[in-house]
Each structure stands twice: as structure tokens, then as C-alpha cells.
Amino acid sequence: MTEEYLYIDKRTIQALEAMRLHFNGLVEAFEQLPDMNTMRRVPIEDALTVIGMTMEGIMNELSDYDWEEVRRDEE
């Protein structure tokens, strides 16, 4: 099985940054909601956790990326 890597270019980085900002806004808005019953709160918290963990994995992949190669590709 081959490992898939995210293709990184300037547009991809901009899209990921926009996703991160919108995700942070979603979390902040969720935290401002009035108290909800457990049946509503827990699924939302779980979904936010999954999205956050997925984004963290992508950001970790970016930190390991060969940025010199990206710069050469953009020239």
C-alpha cells in the first residue's frame, strides 16, 4: 500500500489557513451557545474533535514537508 501525501502549493496553503480560521471560529461560536442537553452537545463536540484531529494531522504533515521543493515548484 502506498502512502498518500498532500500536494502542497501556495493555493493549498491558503485553503488550509482559511479552513483553520473558520474551524477556530466554529469552535468559538459553539462555546458561546447556551447550555444544551447532552444528546445535542456530545455529538457536536465529537464532530469538532474529529475535525480538529484531522486538521492537526495535516498541519503536522506540512511541518515535515520539503519547503525548498515547494519554492522551486512555484518559480
Protein backbone atom coordinates (compact mmCIF):
# COMPACT_ATOMS: atom_id res chain seq x y z
CA MET A 1 0.00 0.00 0.00
CA THR A 2 1.45 3.36 -1.00
CA GLU A 3 1.27 6.32 1.31
CA GLU A 4 -0.61 9.36 0.02
CA TYR A 5 0.82 12.81 0.50
CA LEU A 6 -0.93 16.13 0.26
CA TYR A 7 0.24 18.15 -2.75
CA ILE A 8 1.42 21.46 -1.35
CA ASP A 9 1.43 24.66 -3.32
CA LYS A 10 0.58 28.24 -2.43
CA ARG A 11 -3.13 27.72 -3.12
CA THR A 12 -3.25 24.63 -0.89
CA ILE A 13 -1.59 26.51 1.96
CA GLN A 14 -4.07 29.39 1.60
CA ALA A 15 -7.01 26.97 1.61
CA LEU A 16 -5.73 25.19 4.72
CA GLU A 17 -5.23 28.51 6.50
CA ALA A 18 -8.79 29.55 5.64
CA MET A 19 -10.07 26.20 6.95
CA ARG A 20 -8.14 26.66 10.19
CA LEU A 21 -9.56 30.15 10.71
CA HIS A 22 -13.13 29.01 10.00
CA PHE A 23 -12.72 25.99 12.28
CA ASN A 24 -11.48 28.22 15.11
CA GLY A 25 -14.50 30.48 14.55
CA LEU A 26 -16.82 27.48 14.66
CA VAL A 27 -15.35 26.34 17.98
CA GLU A 28 -15.64 29.86 19.43
CA ALA A 29 -19.27 30.11 18.32
CA PHE A 30 -20.05 26.68 19.78
CA GLU A 31 -18.55 27.73 23.11
CA GLN A 32 -20.84 30.77 23.18
CA LEU A 33 -24.02 28.73 22.78
CA PRO A 34 -26.28 28.40 25.82
CA ASP A 35 -26.21 25.11 27.70
CA MET A 36 -27.57 22.22 25.66
CA ASN A 37 -28.69 18.81 26.72
CA THR A 38 -26.14 16.01 26.43
CA MET A 39 -27.86 14.44 23.42
CA ARG A 40 -27.13 17.59 21.40
CA ARG A 41 -23.84 18.74 22.91
CA VAL A 42 -21.88 15.47 22.76
CA PRO A 43 -22.28 14.76 19.01
CA ILE A 44 -21.20 18.32 18.18
CA GLU A 45 -18.20 18.08 20.50
CA ASP A 46 -17.26 14.72 18.94
CA ALA A 47 -17.52 16.13 15.42
CA LEU A 48 -15.36 19.12 16.34
CA THR A 49 -12.80 16.77 17.89
CA VAL A 50 -12.60 14.64 14.73
CA ILE A 51 -12.22 17.70 12.50
CA GLY A 52 -9.61 19.19 14.84
CA MET A 53 -7.58 15.98 14.97
CA THR A 54 -7.70 15.63 11.19
CA MET A 55 -6.53 19.20 10.69
CA GLU A 56 -3.75 18.67 13.25
CA GLY A 57 -2.56 15.64 11.27
CA ILE A 58 -2.49 17.69 8.08
CA MET A 59 -0.62 20.51 9.80
CA ASN A 60 1.92 18.01 11.18
CA GLU A 61 2.38 16.65 7.66
CA LEU A 62 3.01 20.22 6.49
CA SER A 63 5.66 20.76 9.14
CA ASP A 64 7.56 17.74 7.79
CA TYR A 65 7.24 18.88 4.19
CA ASP A 66 10.21 19.81 1.98
CA TRP A 67 9.58 23.56 1.67
CA GLU A 68 12.57 24.06 -0.62
CA GLU A 69 10.86 21.80 -3.14
CA VAL A 70 7.66 23.89 -2.86
CA ARG A 71 9.62 27.09 -3.52
CA ARG A 72 11.24 25.55 -6.60
CA ASP A 73 7.83 24.42 -7.90
CA GLU A 74 6.41 27.94 -7.54
CA GLU A 75 9.18 29.58 -9.56
